[in-house]
PDB file of N, CA and C in Angstrom:
ATOM      1  N   UNK A   1     110.314 -88.006  19.603  1.00  0.00           N
ATOM      2  CA  UNK A   1     110.087 -87.963  21.038  1.00  0.00           C
ATOM      3  C   UNK A   1     109.261 -86.721  21.357  1.00  0.00           C
ATOM      4  N   UNK A   2     108.163 -86.881  21.987  1.00  0.00           N
ATOM      5  CA  UNK A   2     107.296 -85.762  22.323  1.00  0.00           C
ATOM      6  C   UNK A   2     107.151 -85.659  23.829  1.00  0.00           C
ATOM      7  N   UNK A   3     106.831 -84.456  24.274  1.00  0.00           N
ATOM      8  CA  UNK A   3     106.640 -84.240  25.709  1.00  0.00           C
ATOM      9  C   UNK A   3     105.151 -84.237  26.026  1.00  0.00           C
ATOM     10  N   UNK A   4     104.836 -84.064  27.298  1.00  0.00           N
ATOM     11  CA  UNK A   4     103.435 -84.043  27.726  1.00  0.00           C
ATOM     12  C   UNK A   4     102.714 -82.793  27.231  1.00  0.00           C
ATOM     13  N   UNK A   5     103.481 -81.756  26.855  1.00  0.00           N
ATOM     14  CA  UNK A   5     102.869 -80.511  26.417  1.00  0.00           C
ATOM     15  C   UNK A   5     102.499 -80.520  24.940  1.00  0.00           C
ATOM     16  N   UNK A   6     102.931 -81.526  24.206  1.00  0.00           N
ATOM     17  CA  UNK A   6     102.653 -81.591  22.779  1.00  0.00           C
ATOM     18  C   UNK A   6     101.195 -81.948  22.531  1.00  0.00           C
ATOM     19  N   UNK A   7     100.605 -81.366  21.495  1.00  0.00           N
ATOM     20  CA  UNK A   7      99.241 -81.764  21.147  1.00  0.00           C
ATOM     21  C   UNK A   7      99.234 -83.185  20.611  1.00  0.00           C
ATOM     22  N   UNK A   8      98.111 -83.873  20.723  1.00  0.00           N
ATOM     23  CA  UNK A   8      98.039 -85.252  20.224  1.00  0.00           C
ATOM     24  C   UNK A   8      98.355 -85.307  18.731  1.00  0.00           C
ATOM     25  N   UNK A   9      99.139 -86.292  18.350  1.00  0.00           N
ATOM     26  CA  UNK A   9      99.496 -86.472  16.954  1.00  0.00           C
ATOM     27  C   UNK A   9     100.658 -85.616  16.494  1.00  0.00           C
ATOM     28  N   UNK A  10     101.262 -84.838  17.384  1.00  0.00           N
ATOM     29  CA  UNK A  10     102.385 -83.984  17.018  1.00  0.00           C
ATOM     30  C   UNK A  10     103.673 -84.795  17.005  1.00  0.00           C
ATOM     31  N   UNK A  11     104.496 -84.550  16.015  1.00  0.00           N
ATOM     32  CA  UNK A  11     105.788 -85.239  15.950  1.00  0.00           C
ATOM     33  C   UNK A  11     106.938 -84.324  16.332  1.00  0.00           C
ATOM     34  N   UNK A  12     106.695 -83.016  16.413  1.00  0.00           N
ATOM     35  CA  UNK A  12     107.743 -82.072  16.770  1.00  0.00           C
ATOM     36  C   UNK A  12     107.699 -81.806  18.269  1.00  0.00           C
ATOM     37  N   UNK A  13     108.876 -81.715  18.912  1.00  0.00           N
ATOM     38  CA  UNK A  13     108.880 -81.409  20.342  1.00  0.00           C
ATOM     39  C   UNK A  13     108.380 -79.994  20.598  1.00  0.00           C
ATOM     40  N   UNK A  14     107.810 -79.772  21.772  1.00  0.00           N
ATOM     41  CA  UNK A  14     107.257 -78.472  22.139  1.00  0.00           C
ATOM     42  C   UNK A  14     108.354 -77.469  22.468  1.00  0.00           C
ATOM     43  N   UNK A  15     109.490 -77.940  22.945  1.00  0.00           N
ATOM     44  CA  UNK A  15     110.569 -77.060  23.373  1.00  0.00           C
ATOM     45  C   UNK A  15     111.751 -77.226  22.428  1.00  0.00           C
ATOM     46  N   UNK A  16     112.249 -76.114  21.921  1.00  0.00           N
ATOM     47  CA  UNK A  16     113.417 -76.129  21.052  1.00  0.00           C
ATOM     48  C   UNK A  16     114.673 -76.204  21.922  1.00  0.00           C
ATOM     49  N   UNK A  17     115.513 -77.231  21.763  1.00  0.00           N
ATOM     50  CA  UNK A  17     116.698 -77.369  22.612  1.00  0.00           C
ATOM     51  C   UNK A  17     117.678 -76.207  22.460  1.00  0.00           C
ATOM     52  N   UNK A  18     117.778 -75.633  21.277  1.00  0.00           N
ATOM     53  CA  UNK A  18     118.693 -74.506  21.087  1.00  0.00           C
ATOM     54  C   UNK A  18     118.200 -73.271  21.844  1.00  0.00           C
ATOM     55  N   UNK A  19     116.901 -73.124  21.937  1.00  0.00           N
ATOM     56  CA  UNK A  19     116.331 -71.999  22.683  1.00  0.00           C
ATOM     57  C   UNK A  19     116.665 -72.128  24.167  1.00  0.00           C
ATOM     58  N   UNK A  20     116.541 -73.326  24.693  1.00  0.00           N
ATOM     59  CA  UNK A  20     116.843 -73.557  26.104  1.00  0.00           C
ATOM     60  C   UNK A  20     118.339 -73.400  26.358  1.00  0.00           C
ATOM     61  N   UNK A  21     119.178 -73.866  25.432  1.00  0.00           N
ATOM     62  CA  UNK A  21     120.625 -73.706  25.579  1.00  0.00           C
ATOM     63  C   UNK A  21     121.002 -72.228  25.558  1.00  0.00           C
ATOM     64  N   UNK A  22     120.346 -71.457  24.711  1.00  0.00           N
ATOM     65  CA  UNK A  22     120.598 -70.017  24.664  1.00  0.00           C
ATOM     66  C   UNK A  22     120.240 -69.331  25.969  1.00  0.00           C
ATOM     67  N   UNK A  23     119.162 -69.774  26.592  1.00  0.00           N
ATOM     68  CA  UNK A  23     118.784 -69.205  27.890  1.00  0.00           C
ATOM     69  C   UNK A  23     119.834 -69.533  28.948  1.00  0.00           C
ATOM     70  N   UNK A  24     120.396 -70.735  28.887  1.00  0.00           N
ATOM     71  CA  UNK A  24     121.445 -71.114  29.832  1.00  0.00           C
ATOM     72  C   UNK A  24     122.698 -70.284  29.656  1.00  0.00           C
ATOM     73  N   UNK A  25     123.083 -70.045  28.412  1.00  0.00           N
ATOM     74  CA  UNK A  25     124.257 -69.213  28.137  1.00  0.00           C
ATOM     75  C   UNK A  25     123.994 -67.782  28.589  1.00  0.00           C
ATOM     76  N   UNK A  26     122.801 -67.285  28.348  1.00  0.00           N
ATOM     77  CA  UNK A  26     122.441 -65.934  28.777  1.00  0.00           C
ATOM     78  C   UNK A  26     122.509 -65.822  30.299  1.00  0.00           C
ATOM     79  N   UNK A  27     122.022 -66.831  30.992  1.00  0.00           N
ATOM     80  CA  UNK A  27     122.042 -66.825  32.455  1.00  0.00           C
ATOM     81  C   UNK A  27     123.482 -66.808  32.967  1.00  0.00           C
ATOM     82  N   UNK A  28     124.334 -67.663  32.400  1.00  0.00           N
ATOM     83  CA  UNK A  28     125.731 -67.727  32.831  1.00  0.00           C
ATOM     84  C   UNK A  28     126.459 -66.422  32.528  1.00  0.00           C
ATOM     85  N   UNK A  29     126.227 -65.847  31.354  1.00  0.00           N
ATOM     86  CA  UNK A  29     126.894 -64.601  30.985  1.00  0.00           C
ATOM     87  C   UNK A  29     126.479 -63.456  31.906  1.00  0.00           C
ATOM     88  N   UNK A  30     125.210 -63.396  32.266  1.00  0.00           N
ATOM     89  CA  UNK A  30     124.748 -62.337  33.164  1.00  0.00           C
ATOM     90  C   UNK A  30     125.355 -62.495  34.553  1.00  0.00           C
ATOM     91  N   UNK A  31     125.414 -63.723  35.052  1.00  0.00           N
ATOM     92  CA  UNK A  31     126.024 -63.940  36.368  1.00  0.00           C
ATOM     93  C   UNK A  31     127.495 -63.551  36.363  1.00  0.00           C
ATOM     94  N   UNK A  32     128.214 -63.955  35.329  1.00  0.00           N
ATOM     95  CA  UNK A  32     129.639 -63.626  35.251  1.00  0.00           C
ATOM     96  C   UNK A  32     129.834 -62.125  35.079  1.00  0.00           C
ATOM     97  N   UNK A  33     129.063 -61.515  34.185  1.00  0.00           N
ATOM     98  CA  UNK A  33     129.204 -60.082  33.933  1.00  0.00           C
ATOM     99  C   UNK A  33     128.866 -59.225  35.139  1.00  0.00           C
ATOM    100  N   UNK A  34     127.726 -59.468  35.752  1.00  0.00           N
ATOM    101  CA  UNK A  34     127.336 -58.679  36.918  1.00  0.00           C
ATOM    102  C   UNK A  34     128.209 -59.006  38.126  1.00  0.00           C
ATOM    103  N   UNK A  35     128.658 -60.249  38.229  1.00  0.00           N
ATOM    104  CA  UNK A  35     129.580 -60.605  39.305  1.00  0.00           C
ATOM    105  C   UNK A  35     130.910 -59.892  39.158  1.00  0.00           C
ATOM    106  N   UNK A  36     131.414 -59.834  37.926  1.00  0.00           N
ATOM    107  CA  UNK A  36     132.668 -59.125  37.677  1.00  0.00           C
ATOM    108  C   UNK A  36     132.505 -57.636  37.957  1.00  0.00           C
ATOM    109  N   UNK A  37     131.394 -57.056  37.531  1.00  0.00           N
ATOM    110  CA  UNK A  37     131.135 -55.640  37.800  1.00  0.00           C
ATOM    111  C   UNK A  37     131.082 -55.377  39.303  1.00  0.00           C
ATOM    112  N   UNK A  38     130.417 -56.256  40.048  1.00  0.00           N
ATOM    113  CA  UNK A  38     130.357 -56.100  41.499  1.00  0.00           C
ATOM    114  C   UNK A  38     131.721 -56.235  42.146  1.00  0.00           C
ATOM    115  N   UNK A  39     132.538 -57.158  41.655  1.00  0.00           N
ATOM    116  CA  UNK A  39     133.888 -57.324  42.191  1.00  0.00           C
ATOM    117  C   UNK A  39     134.736 -56.085  41.893  1.00  0.00           C
ATOM    118  N   UNK A  40     134.579 -55.527  40.693  1.00  0.00           N
ATOM    119  CA  UNK A  40     135.322 -54.320  40.335  1.00  0.00           C
ATOM    120  C   UNK A  40     134.905 -53.150  41.229  1.00  0.00           C
ATOM    121  N   UNK A  41     133.598 -53.002  41.463  1.00  0.00           N
ATOM    122  CA  UNK A  41     133.122 -51.928  42.339  1.00  0.00           C
ATOM    123  C   UNK A  41     133.616 -52.120  43.770  1.00  0.00           C
ATOM    124  N   UNK A  42     133.676 -53.364  44.244  1.00  0.00           N
ATOM    125  CA  UNK A  42     134.208 -53.622  45.583  1.00  0.00           C
ATOM    126  C   UNK A  42     135.667 -53.202  45.673  1.00  0.00           C
ATOM    127  N   UNK A  43     136.441 -53.479  44.649  1.00  0.00           N
ATOM    128  CA  UNK A  43     137.841 -53.060  44.641  1.00  0.00           C
ATOM    129  C   UNK A  43     137.981 -51.556  44.531  1.00  0.00           C
ATOM    130  N   UNK A  44     137.116 -50.938  43.775  1.00  0.00           N
ATOM    131  CA  UNK A  44     137.169 -49.481  43.571  1.00  0.00           C
ATOM    132  C   UNK A  44     136.818 -48.723  44.852  1.00  0.00           C
ATOM    133  N   UNK A  45     135.826 -49.191  45.581  1.00  0.00           N
ATOM    134  CA  UNK A  45     135.376 -48.506  46.789  1.00  0.00           C
ATOM    135  C   UNK A  45     135.893 -49.153  48.064  1.00  0.00           C
ATOM    136  N   UNK A  46     136.753 -50.160  47.932  1.00  0.00           N
ATOM    137  CA  UNK A  46     137.358 -50.841  49.080  1.00  0.00           C
ATOM    138  C   UNK A  46     136.285 -51.295  50.076  1.00  0.00           C
ATOM    139  N   UNK A  47     135.306 -51.986  49.557  1.00  0.00           N
ATOM    140  CA  UNK A  47     134.213 -52.467  50.405  1.00  0.00           C
ATOM    141  C   UNK A  47     134.264 -53.984  50.486  1.00  0.00           C
ATOM    142  N   UNK A  48     133.483 -54.501  51.388  1.00  0.00           N
ATOM    143  CA  UNK A  48     133.358 -55.954  51.527  1.00  0.00           C
ATOM    144  C   UNK A  48     132.668 -56.491  50.269  1.00  0.00           C
ATOM    145  N   UNK A  49     132.402 -57.745  50.165  1.00  0.00           N
ATOM    146  CA  UNK A  49     131.794 -58.257  48.927  1.00  0.00           C
ATOM    147  C   UNK A  49     130.326 -57.871  48.758  1.00  0.00           C
ATOM    148  N   UNK A  50     129.990 -56.663  49.191  1.00  0.00           N
ATOM    149  CA  UNK A  50     128.597 -56.217  49.095  1.00  0.00           C
ATOM    150  C   UNK A  50     128.188 -56.028  47.636  1.00  0.00           C
ATOM    151  N   UNK A  51     129.019 -55.324  46.861  1.00  0.00           N
ATOM    152  CA  UNK A  51     128.671 -55.095  45.460  1.00  0.00           C
ATOM    153  C   UNK A  51     128.694 -56.391  44.658  1.00  0.00           C
ATOM    154  N   UNK A  52     129.578 -57.312  45.020  1.00  0.00           N
ATOM    155  CA  UNK A  52     129.601 -58.613  44.356  1.00  0.00           C
ATOM    156  C   UNK A  52     128.282 -59.343  44.584  1.00  0.00           C
ATOM    157  N   UNK A  53     127.812 -59.345  45.820  1.00  0.00           N
ATOM    158  CA  UNK A  53     126.545 -60.016  46.125  1.00  0.00           C
ATOM    159  C   UNK A  53     125.375 -59.321  45.435  1.00  0.00           C
ATOM    160  N   UNK A  54     125.395 -57.992  45.401  1.00  0.00           N
ATOM    161  CA  UNK A  54     124.333 -57.251  44.715  1.00  0.00           C
ATOM    162  C   UNK A  54     124.362 -57.552  43.219  1.00  0.00           C
ATOM    163  N   UNK A  55     125.558 -57.583  42.633  1.00  0.00           N
ATOM    164  CA  UNK A  55     125.687 -57.873  41.209  1.00  0.00           C
ATOM    165  C   UNK A  55     125.192 -59.259  40.851  1.00  0.00           C
ATOM    166  N   UNK A  56     125.571 -60.250  41.644  1.00  0.00           N
ATOM    167  CA  UNK A  56     125.119 -61.617  41.376  1.00  0.00           C
ATOM    168  C   UNK A  56     123.610 -61.720  41.567  1.00  0.00           C
ATOM    169  N   UNK A  57     123.077 -61.044  42.576  1.00  0.00           N
ATOM    170  CA  UNK A  57     121.632 -61.066  42.812  1.00  0.00           C
ATOM    171  C   UNK A  57     120.878 -60.456  41.634  1.00  0.00           C
ATOM    172  N   UNK A  58     121.307 -59.272  41.193  1.00  0.00           N
ATOM    173  CA  UNK A  58     120.619 -58.624  40.080  1.00  0.00           C
ATOM    174  C   UNK A  58     120.831 -59.368  38.766  1.00  0.00           C
ATOM    175  N   UNK A  59     122.023 -59.881  38.548  1.00  0.00           N
ATOM    176  CA  UNK A  59     122.274 -60.645  37.326  1.00  0.00           C
ATOM    177  C   UNK A  59     121.440 -61.911  37.269  1.00  0.00           C
ATOM    178  N   UNK A  60     121.430 -62.671  38.353  1.00  0.00           N
ATOM    179  CA  UNK A  60     120.656 -63.912  38.385  1.00  0.00           C
ATOM    180  C   UNK A  60     119.164 -63.664  38.404  1.00  0.00           C
ATOM    181  N   UNK A  61     118.732 -62.739  39.245  1.00  0.00           N
ATOM    182  CA  UNK A  61     117.300 -62.444  39.341  1.00  0.00           C
ATOM    183  C   UNK A  61     116.735 -61.853  38.062  1.00  0.00           C
ATOM    184  N   UNK A  62     117.465 -60.910  37.480  1.00  0.00           N
ATOM    185  CA  UNK A  62     117.002 -60.297  36.239  1.00  0.00           C
ATOM    186  C   UNK A  62     116.938 -61.284  35.090  1.00  0.00           C
ATOM    187  N   UNK A  63     117.962 -62.121  34.987  1.00  0.00           N
ATOM    188  CA  UNK A  63     117.969 -63.113  33.916  1.00  0.00           C
ATOM    189  C   UNK A  63     116.893 -64.164  34.133  1.00  0.00           C
ATOM    190  N   UNK A  64     116.661 -64.555  35.371  1.00  0.00           N
ATOM    191  CA  UNK A  64     115.590 -65.509  35.648  1.00  0.00           C
ATOM    192  C   UNK A  64     114.243 -64.928  35.232  1.00  0.00           C
ATOM    193  N   UNK A  65     114.016 -63.657  35.563  1.00  0.00           N
ATOM    194  CA  UNK A  65     112.759 -63.006  35.202  1.00  0.00           C
ATOM    195  C   UNK A  65     112.585 -62.939  33.682  1.00  0.00           C
ATOM    196  N   UNK A  66     113.632 -62.527  32.965  1.00  0.00           N
ATOM    197  CA  UNK A  66     113.538 -62.440  31.509  1.00  0.00           C
ATOM    198  C   UNK A  66     113.362 -63.815  30.869  1.00  0.00           C
ATOM    199  N   UNK A  67     114.042 -64.820  31.415  1.00  0.00           N
ATOM    200  CA  UNK A  67     113.893 -66.181  30.892  1.00  0.00           C
ATOM    201  C   UNK A  67     112.476 -66.690  31.119  1.00  0.00           C
ATOM    202  N   UNK A  68     111.924 -66.416  32.283  1.00  0.00           N
ATOM    203  CA  UNK A  68     110.555 -66.834  32.586  1.00  0.00           C
ATOM    204  C   UNK A  68     109.572 -66.177  31.620  1.00  0.00           C
ATOM    205  N   UNK A  69     109.745 -64.873  31.395  1.00  0.00           N
ATOM    206  CA  UNK A  69     108.860 -64.169  30.462  1.00  0.00           C
ATOM    207  C   UNK A  69     108.969 -64.744  29.060  1.00  0.00           C
ATOM    208  N   UNK A  70     110.191 -65.061  28.636  1.00  0.00           N
ATOM    209  CA  UNK A  70     110.388 -65.587  27.289  1.00  0.00           C
ATOM    210  C   UNK A  70     109.795 -66.987  27.150  1.00  0.00           C
ATOM    211  N   UNK A  71     109.953 -67.815  28.179  1.00  0.00           N
ATOM    212  CA  UNK A  71     109.427 -69.175  28.098  1.00  0.00           C
ATOM    213  C   UNK A  71     107.907 -69.221  28.197  1.00  0.00           C
ATOM    214  N   UNK A  72     107.310 -68.288  28.921  1.00  0.00           N
ATOM    215  CA  UNK A  72     105.863 -68.291  29.108  1.00  0.00           C
ATOM    216  C   UNK A  72     105.125 -67.447  28.076  1.00  0.00           C
ATOM    217  N   UNK A  73     105.843 -66.806  27.174  1.00  0.00           N
ATOM    218  CA  UNK A  73     105.196 -65.983  26.149  1.00  0.00           C
ATOM    219  C   UNK A  73     104.400 -66.879  25.206  1.00  0.00           C
ATOM    220  N   UNK A  74     103.231 -66.425  24.789  1.00  0.00           N
ATOM    221  CA  UNK A  74     102.446 -67.241  23.850  1.00  0.00           C
ATOM    222  C   UNK A  74     103.182 -67.350  22.516  1.00  0.00           C
ATOM    223  N   UNK A  75     103.168 -68.553  21.972  1.00  0.00           N
ATOM    224  CA  UNK A  75     103.830 -68.802  20.691  1.00  0.00           C
ATOM    225  C   UNK A  75     102.801 -68.799  19.582  1.00  0.00           C
ATOM    226  N   UNK A  76     103.210 -68.343  18.414  1.00  0.00           N
ATOM    227  CA  UNK A  76     102.254 -68.356  17.293  1.00  0.00           C
ATOM    228  C   UNK A  76     101.889 -69.789  16.920  1.00  0.00           C
ATOM    229  N   UNK A  77     100.676 -69.994  16.449  1.00  0.00           N
ATOM    230  CA  UNK A  77     100.274 -71.357  16.063  1.00  0.00           C
ATOM    231  C   UNK A  77     101.102 -71.844  14.878  1.00  0.00           C
ATOM    232  N   UNK A  78     101.278 -73.154  14.839  1.00  0.00           N
ATOM    233  CA  UNK A  78     102.076 -73.747  13.749  1.00  0.00           C
ATOM    234  C   UNK A  78     101.226 -74.001  12.539  1.00  0.00           C
TER     235      UNK A  78
END
């Protein structure tokens, strides 16, 4: 099965499924980790969910940026 991005006559898919799964796990781990850190800071400073929202924003935004860079990086020729 080939995608539209594959060169003509290619039998290997252009996207490695394990690579994409790893990006998903990385995204989930960053959201959980930064969310937990924000929740801990909110409890420590007795604040509203401000740090939680900041943590989720930075975790999600940062991971999205890194995932985009990794997916758009030029790959060596086969």
